[in-house]
Structures are given as structure tokens and as C-alpha cells.
Amino acid sequence: MAHENKFRRSIETPDGGRCVDIFMRPDTTYGFEEYRRDSEDGQGWFPIGFFQERKFTSEEDAQLLARQLVPWLDDVL
């Protein structure tokens, strides 16, 4: 059985075109990823930040760096 990340928080832009997901891995480290979706193609979310391999000891630390690296995130929070 594959281990899956548990999503802790998803923060979306008001227009629904981008989001940042903050998640906890099975090893209890945290991470985040930025995604984009094009509503006209119906294909769903695509990772665009390529941040998911970074590891943090807390959800707060993951969110702090996400706010520094994802330009629109502070405006939404």
C-alpha cells in the first residue's frame, strides 16, 4: 500500500486559477506546492512551483516559505 500525503490546507486565488497546498508526509515532515489550472481545458491542477521536495518540521514553517516564494499568497491570506 502506498503512503500518501495528508493535505492540511489549500489556499486558492479568488479567480480559482492557482492554489497552494500545504501537506504532511507519512514521515511527519511538511511541504507545499503551487498549482495552476486552466478552466477552459478541464484538465485539472498542474504543479508549477516545484517546491514539493522541500521538507519542513512544521506546517507553519512550510507556510512561511510558501509566502516568500509564491508572489500572490500574501494577498490571499
PDB file of N, CA and C in Angstrom:
ATOM      1  N   MET A   1       0.844  -1.184   0.000  1.00  0.00           N
ATOM      2  CA  MET A   1       0.000   0.000   0.000  1.00  0.00           C
ATOM      3  C   MET A   1       0.886   1.244   0.000  1.00  0.00           C
ATOM      4  N   ALA A   2       0.631   2.159  -0.886  1.00  0.00           N
ATOM      5  CA  ALA A   2       1.420   3.381  -0.989  1.00  0.00           C
ATOM      6  C   ALA A   2       1.013   4.365   0.108  1.00  0.00           C
ATOM      7  N   HIS A   3       2.004   5.055   0.617  1.00  0.00           N
ATOM      8  CA  HIS A   3       1.723   6.097   1.602  1.00  0.00           C
ATOM      9  C   HIS A   3       1.432   7.389   0.863  1.00  0.00           C
ATOM     10  N   GLU A   4       0.451   8.115   1.346  1.00  0.00           N
ATOM     11  CA  GLU A   4       0.067   9.350   0.686  1.00  0.00           C
ATOM     12  C   GLU A   4       0.199  10.513   1.644  1.00  0.00           C
ATOM     13  N   ASN A   5       0.454  11.677   1.062  1.00  0.00           N
ATOM     14  CA  ASN A   5       0.497  12.900   1.850  1.00  0.00           C
ATOM     15  C   ASN A   5      -0.912  13.252   2.320  1.00  0.00           C
ATOM     16  N   LYS A   6      -0.984  13.878   3.487  1.00  0.00           N
ATOM     17  CA  LYS A   6      -2.258  14.361   4.015  1.00  0.00           C
ATOM     18  C   LYS A   6      -2.280  15.874   3.852  1.00  0.00           C
ATOM     19  N   PHE A   7      -3.239  16.356   3.099  1.00  0.00           N
ATOM     20  CA  PHE A   7      -3.316  17.786   2.862  1.00  0.00           C
ATOM     21  C   PHE A   7      -3.896  18.480   4.073  1.00  0.00           C
ATOM     22  N   ARG A   8      -3.176  19.489   4.523  1.00  0.00           N
ATOM     23  CA  ARG A   8      -3.558  20.220   5.725  1.00  0.00           C
ATOM     24  C   ARG A   8      -4.318  21.497   5.386  1.00  0.00           C
ATOM     25  N   ARG A   9      -3.944  22.102   4.244  1.00  0.00           N
ATOM     26  CA  ARG A   9      -4.565  23.383   3.896  1.00  0.00           C
ATOM     27  C   ARG A   9      -4.399  23.619   2.406  1.00  0.00           C
ATOM     28  N   SER A  10      -5.429  24.147   1.775  1.00  0.00           N
ATOM     29  CA  SER A  10      -5.364  24.537   0.379  1.00  0.00           C
ATOM     30  C   SER A  10      -5.808  25.986   0.290  1.00  0.00           C
ATOM     31  N   ILE A  11      -4.972  26.827  -0.290  1.00  0.00           N
ATOM     32  CA  ILE A  11      -5.240  28.257  -0.386  1.00  0.00           C
ATOM     33  C   ILE A  11      -5.360  28.597  -1.865  1.00  0.00           C
ATOM     34  N   GLU A  12      -6.506  29.116  -2.265  1.00  0.00           N
ATOM     35  CA  GLU A  12      -6.796  29.343  -3.675  1.00  0.00           C
ATOM     36  C   GLU A  12      -6.963  30.828  -3.962  1.00  0.00           C
ATOM     37  N   THR A  13      -6.560  31.244  -5.159  1.00  0.00           N
ATOM     38  CA  THR A  13      -6.791  32.620  -5.585  1.00  0.00           C
ATOM     39  C   THR A  13      -8.290  32.835  -5.779  1.00  0.00           C
ATOM     40  N   PRO A  14      -8.751  34.080  -5.645  1.00  0.00           N
ATOM     41  CA  PRO A  14     -10.186  34.340  -5.808  1.00  0.00           C
ATOM     42  C   PRO A  14     -10.744  33.896  -7.165  1.00  0.00           C
ATOM     43  N   ASP A  15      -9.928  33.951  -8.205  1.00  0.00           N
ATOM     44  CA  ASP A  15     -10.411  33.540  -9.540  1.00  0.00           C
ATOM     45  C   ASP A  15     -10.338  32.037  -9.756  1.00  0.00           C
ATOM     46  N   GLY A  16      -9.777  31.293  -8.794  1.00  0.00           N
ATOM     47  CA  GLY A  16      -9.712  29.847  -8.890  1.00  0.00           C
ATOM     48  C   GLY A  16      -8.667  29.309  -9.853  1.00  0.00           C
ATOM     49  N   GLY A  17      -7.755  30.167 -10.281  1.00  0.00           N
ATOM     50  CA  GLY A  17      -6.753  29.744 -11.253  1.00  0.00           C
ATOM     51  C   GLY A  17      -5.471  29.178 -10.666  1.00  0.00           C
ATOM     52  N   ARG A  18      -5.204  29.478  -9.400  1.00  0.00           N
ATOM     53  CA  ARG A  18      -3.984  28.985  -8.742  1.00  0.00           C
ATOM     54  C   ARG A  18      -4.299  28.607  -7.309  1.00  0.00           C
ATOM     55  N   CYS A  19      -3.486  27.709  -6.782  1.00  0.00           N
ATOM     56  CA  CYS A  19      -3.617  27.365  -5.366  1.00  0.00           C
ATOM     57  C   CYS A  19      -2.275  26.895  -4.830  1.00  0.00           C
ATOM     58  N   VAL A  20      -2.153  26.953  -3.519  1.00  0.00           N
ATOM     59  CA  VAL A  20      -1.016  26.382  -2.804  1.00  0.00           C
ATOM     60  C   VAL A  20      -1.589  25.365  -1.827  1.00  0.00           C
ATOM     61  N   ASP A  21      -1.067  24.159  -1.895  1.00  0.00           N
ATOM     62  CA  ASP A  21      -1.448  23.118  -0.949  1.00  0.00           C
ATOM     63  C   ASP A  21      -0.307  22.907   0.036  1.00  0.00           C
ATOM     64  N   ILE A  22      -0.643  22.872   1.309  1.00  0.00           N
ATOM     65  CA  ILE A  22       0.312  22.543   2.362  1.00  0.00           C
ATOM     66  C   ILE A  22      -0.059  21.156   2.865  1.00  0.00           C
ATOM     67  N   PHE A  23       0.926  20.279   2.955  1.00  0.00           N
ATOM     68  CA  PHE A  23       0.651  18.886   3.262  1.00  0.00           C
ATOM     69  C   PHE A  23       1.649  18.324   4.267  1.00  0.00           C
ATOM     70  N   MET A  24       1.244  17.189   4.886  1.00  0.00           N
ATOM     71  CA  MET A  24       2.120  16.450   5.784  1.00  0.00           C
ATOM     72  C   MET A  24       2.409  15.096   5.145  1.00  0.00           C
ATOM     73  N   ARG A  25       3.671  14.731   5.122  1.00  0.00           N
ATOM     74  CA  ARG A  25       4.090  13.441   4.572  1.00  0.00           C
ATOM     75  C   ARG A  25       3.948  12.339   5.626  1.00  0.00           C
ATOM     76  N   PRO A  26       3.984  11.084   5.183  1.00  0.00           N
ATOM     77  CA  PRO A  26       3.921   9.971   6.143  1.00  0.00           C
ATOM     78  C   PRO A  26       5.039  10.013   7.191  1.00  0.00           C
ATOM     79  N   ASP A  27       6.197  10.622   6.851  1.00  0.00           N
ATOM     80  CA  ASP A  27       7.295  10.710   7.828  1.00  0.00           C
ATOM     81  C   ASP A  27       7.142  11.895   8.776  1.00  0.00           C
ATOM     82  N   THR A  28       5.997  12.561   8.743  1.00  0.00           N
ATOM     83  CA  THR A  28       5.596  13.712   9.562  1.00  0.00           C
ATOM     84  C   THR A  28       6.321  15.011   9.218  1.00  0.00           C
ATOM     85  N   THR A  29       7.048  15.068   8.107  1.00  0.00           N
ATOM     86  CA  THR A  29       7.559  16.346   7.638  1.00  0.00           C
ATOM     87  C   THR A  29       6.462  17.015   6.817  1.00  0.00           C
ATOM     88  N   TYR A  30       6.609  18.305   6.627  1.00  0.00           N
ATOM     89  CA  TYR A  30       5.616  19.087   5.897  1.00  0.00           C
ATOM     90  C   TYR A  30       6.223  19.610   4.601  1.00  0.00           C
ATOM     91  N   GLY A  31       5.342  19.953   3.682  1.00  0.00           N
ATOM     92  CA  GLY A  31       5.773  20.527   2.421  1.00  0.00           C
ATOM     93  C   GLY A  31       4.647  21.346   1.813  1.00  0.00           C
ATOM     94  N   PHE A  32       4.927  21.940   0.662  1.00  0.00           N
ATOM     95  CA  PHE A  32       3.899  22.698  -0.052  1.00  0.00           C
ATOM     96  C   PHE A  32       4.178  22.645  -1.544  1.00  0.00           C
ATOM     97  N   GLU A  33       3.143  22.937  -2.315  1.00  0.00           N
ATOM     98  CA  GLU A  33       3.268  23.028  -3.760  1.00  0.00           C
ATOM     99  C   GLU A  33       2.288  24.064  -4.284  1.00  0.00           C
ATOM    100  N   GLU A  34       2.697  24.764  -5.333  1.00  0.00           N
ATOM    101  CA  GLU A  34       1.824  25.704  -6.030  1.00  0.00           C
ATOM    102  C   GLU A  34       1.292  25.026  -7.293  1.00  0.00           C
ATOM    103  N   TYR A  35       0.002  25.224  -7.540  1.00  0.00           N
ATOM    104  CA  TYR A  35      -0.657  24.621  -8.702  1.00  0.00           C
ATOM    105  C   TYR A  35      -1.380  25.686  -9.521  1.00  0.00           C
ATOM    106  N   ARG A  36      -1.596  25.345 -10.791  1.00  0.00           N
ATOM    107  CA  ARG A  36      -2.345  26.194 -11.711  1.00  0.00           C
ATOM    108  C   ARG A  36      -3.372  25.312 -12.409  1.00  0.00           C
ATOM    109  N   ARG A  37      -4.498  25.911 -12.758  1.00  0.00           N
ATOM    110  CA  ARG A  37      -5.462  25.194 -13.601  1.00  0.00           C
ATOM    111  C   ARG A  37      -6.037  26.162 -14.618  1.00  0.00           C
ATOM    112  N   ASP A  38      -6.300  25.617 -15.779  1.00  0.00           N
ATOM    113  CA  ASP A  38      -6.927  26.383 -16.848  1.00  0.00           C
ATOM    114  C   ASP A  38      -8.368  25.926 -16.942  1.00  0.00           C
ATOM    115  N   SER A  39      -9.286  26.794 -16.583  1.00  0.00           N
ATOM    116  CA  SER A  39     -10.694  26.404 -16.540  1.00  0.00           C
ATOM    117  C   SER A  39     -11.218  25.999 -17.910  1.00  0.00           C
ATOM    118  N   GLU A  40     -10.634  26.539 -18.968  1.00  0.00           N
ATOM    119  CA  GLU A  40     -11.146  26.227 -20.300  1.00  0.00           C
ATOM    120  C   GLU A  40     -10.770  24.831 -20.801  1.00  0.00           C
ATOM    121  N   ASP A  41      -9.714  24.218 -20.246  1.00  0.00           N
ATOM    122  CA  ASP A  41      -9.339  22.896 -20.770  1.00  0.00           C
ATOM    123  C   ASP A  41      -9.839  21.725 -19.921  1.00  0.00           C
ATOM    124  N   GLY A  42     -10.284  21.973 -18.695  1.00  0.00           N
ATOM    125  CA  GLY A  42     -10.858  20.919 -17.872  1.00  0.00           C
ATOM    126  C   GLY A  42      -9.896  19.817 -17.444  1.00  0.00           C
ATOM    127  N   GLN A  43      -8.609  20.051 -17.533  1.00  0.00           N
ATOM    128  CA  GLN A  43      -7.626  19.018 -17.204  1.00  0.00           C
ATOM    129  C   GLN A  43      -7.259  18.975 -15.725  1.00  0.00           C
ATOM    130  N   GLY A  44      -7.687  19.933 -14.944  1.00  0.00           N
ATOM    131  CA  GLY A  44      -7.386  19.920 -13.515  1.00  0.00           C
ATOM    132  C   GLY A  44      -6.149  20.734 -13.164  1.00  0.00           C
ATOM    133  N   TRP A  45      -5.589  20.424 -12.005  1.00  0.00           N
ATOM    134  CA  TRP A  45      -4.470  21.185 -11.454  1.00  0.00           C
ATOM    135  C   TRP A  45      -3.132  20.637 -11.938  1.00  0.00           C
ATOM    136  N   PHE A  46      -2.202  21.573 -12.214  1.00  0.00           N
ATOM    137  CA  PHE A  46      -0.841  21.227 -12.637  1.00  0.00           C
ATOM    138  C   PHE A  46       0.157  21.890 -11.701  1.00  0.00           C
ATOM    139  N   PRO A  47       1.154  21.153 -11.196  1.00  0.00           N
ATOM    140  CA  PRO A  47       2.174  21.789 -10.348  1.00  0.00           C
ATOM    141  C   PRO A  47       3.003  22.765 -11.180  1.00  0.00           C
ATOM    142  N   ILE A  48       3.227  23.948 -10.617  1.00  0.00           N
ATOM    143  CA  ILE A  48       4.034  24.944 -11.330  1.00  0.00           C
ATOM    144  C   ILE A  48       5.183  25.478 -10.490  1.00  0.00           C
ATOM    145  N   GLY A  49       5.174  25.234  -9.202  1.00  0.00           N
ATOM    146  CA  GLY A  49       6.215  25.770  -8.336  1.00  0.00           C
ATOM    147  C   GLY A  49       7.391  24.832  -8.155  1.00  0.00           C
ATOM    148  N   PHE A  50       7.112  23.539  -8.216  1.00  0.00           N
ATOM    149  CA  PHE A  50       8.119  22.501  -7.998  1.00  0.00           C
ATOM    150  C   PHE A  50       8.837  22.680  -6.663  1.00  0.00           C
ATOM    151  N   PHE A  51       8.022  22.952  -5.626  1.00  0.00           N
ATOM    152  CA  PHE A  51       8.515  23.116  -4.260  1.00  0.00           C
ATOM    153  C   PHE A  51       8.302  21.859  -3.421  1.00  0.00           C
ATOM    154  N   GLN A  52       7.623  20.862  -3.939  1.00  0.00           N
ATOM    155  CA  GLN A  52       7.135  19.748  -3.131  1.00  0.00           C
ATOM    156  C   GLN A  52       8.211  18.914  -2.456  1.00  0.00           C
ATOM    157  N   GLU A  53       9.439  18.975  -2.908  1.00  0.00           N
ATOM    158  CA  GLU A  53      10.509  18.175  -2.299  1.00  0.00           C
ATOM    159  C   GLU A  53      11.127  18.835  -1.062  1.00  0.00           C
ATOM    160  N   ARG A  54      10.854  20.105  -0.855  1.00  0.00           N
ATOM    161  CA  ARG A  54      11.384  20.784   0.327  1.00  0.00           C
ATOM    162  C   ARG A  54      10.702  20.236   1.574  1.00  0.00           C
ATOM    163  N   LYS A  55      11.460  20.073   2.636  1.00  0.00           N
ATOM    164  CA  LYS A  55      10.918  19.496   3.864  1.00  0.00           C
ATOM    165  C   LYS A  55      11.012  20.479   5.025  1.00  0.00           C
ATOM    166  N   PHE A  56       9.963  20.464   5.846  1.00  0.00           N
ATOM    167  CA  PHE A  56       9.868  21.349   6.997  1.00  0.00           C
ATOM    168  C   PHE A  56       9.408  20.546   8.200  1.00  0.00           C
ATOM    169  N   THR A  57       9.772  21.016   9.373  1.00  0.00           N
ATOM    170  CA  THR A  57       9.382  20.307  10.593  1.00  0.00           C
ATOM    171  C   THR A  57       7.999  20.717  11.094  1.00  0.00           C
ATOM    172  N   SER A  58       7.446  21.800  10.539  1.00  0.00           N
ATOM    173  CA  SER A  58       6.115  22.232  10.966  1.00  0.00           C
ATOM    174  C   SER A  58       5.334  22.803   9.782  1.00  0.00           C
ATOM    175  N   GLU A  59       4.029  22.765   9.935  1.00  0.00           N
ATOM    176  CA  GLU A  59       3.134  23.361   8.935  1.00  0.00           C
ATOM    177  C   GLU A  59       3.388  24.865   8.823  1.00  0.00           C
ATOM    178  N   GLU A  60       3.659  25.494   9.958  1.00  0.00           N
ATOM    179  CA  GLU A  60       3.907  26.934   9.975  1.00  0.00           C
ATOM    180  C   GLU A  60       5.160  27.291   9.171  1.00  0.00           C
ATOM    181  N   ASP A  61       6.224  26.487   9.304  1.00  0.00           N
ATOM    182  CA  ASP A  61       7.453  26.740   8.545  1.00  0.00           C
ATOM    183  C   ASP A  61       7.218  26.585   7.052  1.00  0.00           C
ATOM    184  N   ALA A  62       6.439  25.588   6.663  1.00  0.00           N
ATOM    185  CA  ALA A  62       6.124  25.390   5.248  1.00  0.00           C
ATOM    186  C   ALA A  62       5.346  26.591   4.712  1.00  0.00           C
ATOM    187  N   GLN A  63       4.371  27.048   5.467  1.00  0.00           N
ATOM    188  CA  GLN A  63       3.572  28.192   5.022  1.00  0.00           C
ATOM    189  C   GLN A  63       4.417  29.463   4.961  1.00  0.00           C
ATOM    190  N   LEU A  64       5.326  29.635   5.891  1.00  0.00           N
ATOM    191  CA  LEU A  64       6.184  30.826   5.899  1.00  0.00           C
ATOM    192  C   LEU A  64       7.018  30.912   4.614  1.00  0.00           C
ATOM    193  N   LEU A  65       7.648  29.820   4.212  1.00  0.00           N
ATOM    194  CA  LEU A  65       8.438  29.866   2.985  1.00  0.00           C
ATOM    195  C   LEU A  65       7.535  29.974   1.760  1.00  0.00           C
ATOM    196  N   ALA A  66       6.389  29.335   1.786  1.00  0.00           N
ATOM    197  CA  ALA A  66       5.444  29.471   0.673  1.00  0.00           C
ATOM    198  C   ALA A  66       5.075  30.933   0.472  1.00  0.00           C
ATOM    199  N   ARG A  67       4.859  31.654   1.553  1.00  0.00           N
ATOM    200  CA  ARG A  67       4.518  33.080   1.457  1.00  0.00           C
ATOM    201  C   ARG A  67       5.663  33.898   0.870  1.00  0.00           C
ATOM    202  N   GLN A  68       6.885  33.447   1.062  1.00  0.00           N
ATOM    203  CA  GLN A  68       8.041  34.150   0.497  1.00  0.00           C
ATOM    204  C   GLN A  68       8.245  33.830  -0.978  1.00  0.00           C
ATOM    205  N   LEU A  69       7.905  32.612  -1.390  1.00  0.00           N
ATOM    206  CA  LEU A  69       8.206  32.160  -2.750  1.00  0.00           C
ATOM    207  C   LEU A  69       7.048  32.277  -3.742  1.00  0.00           C
ATOM    208  N   VAL A  70       5.828  32.370  -3.238  1.00  0.00           N
ATOM    209  CA  VAL A  70       4.663  32.459  -4.118  1.00  0.00           C
ATOM    210  C   VAL A  70       4.116  33.883  -4.025  1.00  0.00           C
ATOM    211  N   PRO A  71       4.324  34.676  -5.088  1.00  0.00           N
ATOM    212  CA  PRO A  71       4.045  36.116  -5.030  1.00  0.00           C
ATOM    213  C   PRO A  71       2.616  36.497  -4.625  1.00  0.00           C
ATOM    214  N   TRP A  72       1.611  35.760  -5.006  1.00  0.00           N
ATOM    215  CA  TRP A  72       0.228  36.139  -4.747  1.00  0.00           C
ATOM    216  C   TRP A  72      -0.284  35.677  -3.378  1.00  0.00           C
ATOM    217  N   LEU A  73       0.441  34.820  -2.704  1.00  0.00           N
ATOM    218  CA  LEU A  73      -0.079  34.178  -1.492  1.00  0.00           C
ATOM    219  C   LEU A  73      -0.369  35.163  -0.366  1.00  0.00           C
ATOM    220  N   ASP A  74       0.496  36.105  -0.130  1.00  0.00           N
ATOM    221  CA  ASP A  74       0.252  37.082   0.938  1.00  0.00           C
ATOM    222  C   ASP A  74      -1.045  37.865   0.701  1.00  0.00           C
ATOM    223  N   ASP A  75      -1.335  38.178  -0.557  1.00  0.00           N
ATOM    224  CA  ASP A  75      -2.552  38.928  -0.858  1.00  0.00           C
ATOM    225  C   ASP A  75      -3.820  38.133  -0.527  1.00  0.00           C
ATOM    226  N   VAL A  76      -3.749  36.819  -0.668  1.00  0.00           N
ATOM    227  CA  VAL A  76      -4.907  35.965  -0.405  1.00  0.00           C
ATOM    228  C   VAL A  76      -5.066  35.705   1.088  1.00  0.00           C
ATOM    229  N   LEU A  77      -3.938  35.575   1.783  1.00  0.00           N
ATOM    230  CA  LEU A  77      -4.007  35.322   3.220  1.00  0.00           C
ATOM    231  C   LEU A  77      -4.294  36.608   3.966  1.00  0.00           C
TER     232      LEU A  77
END
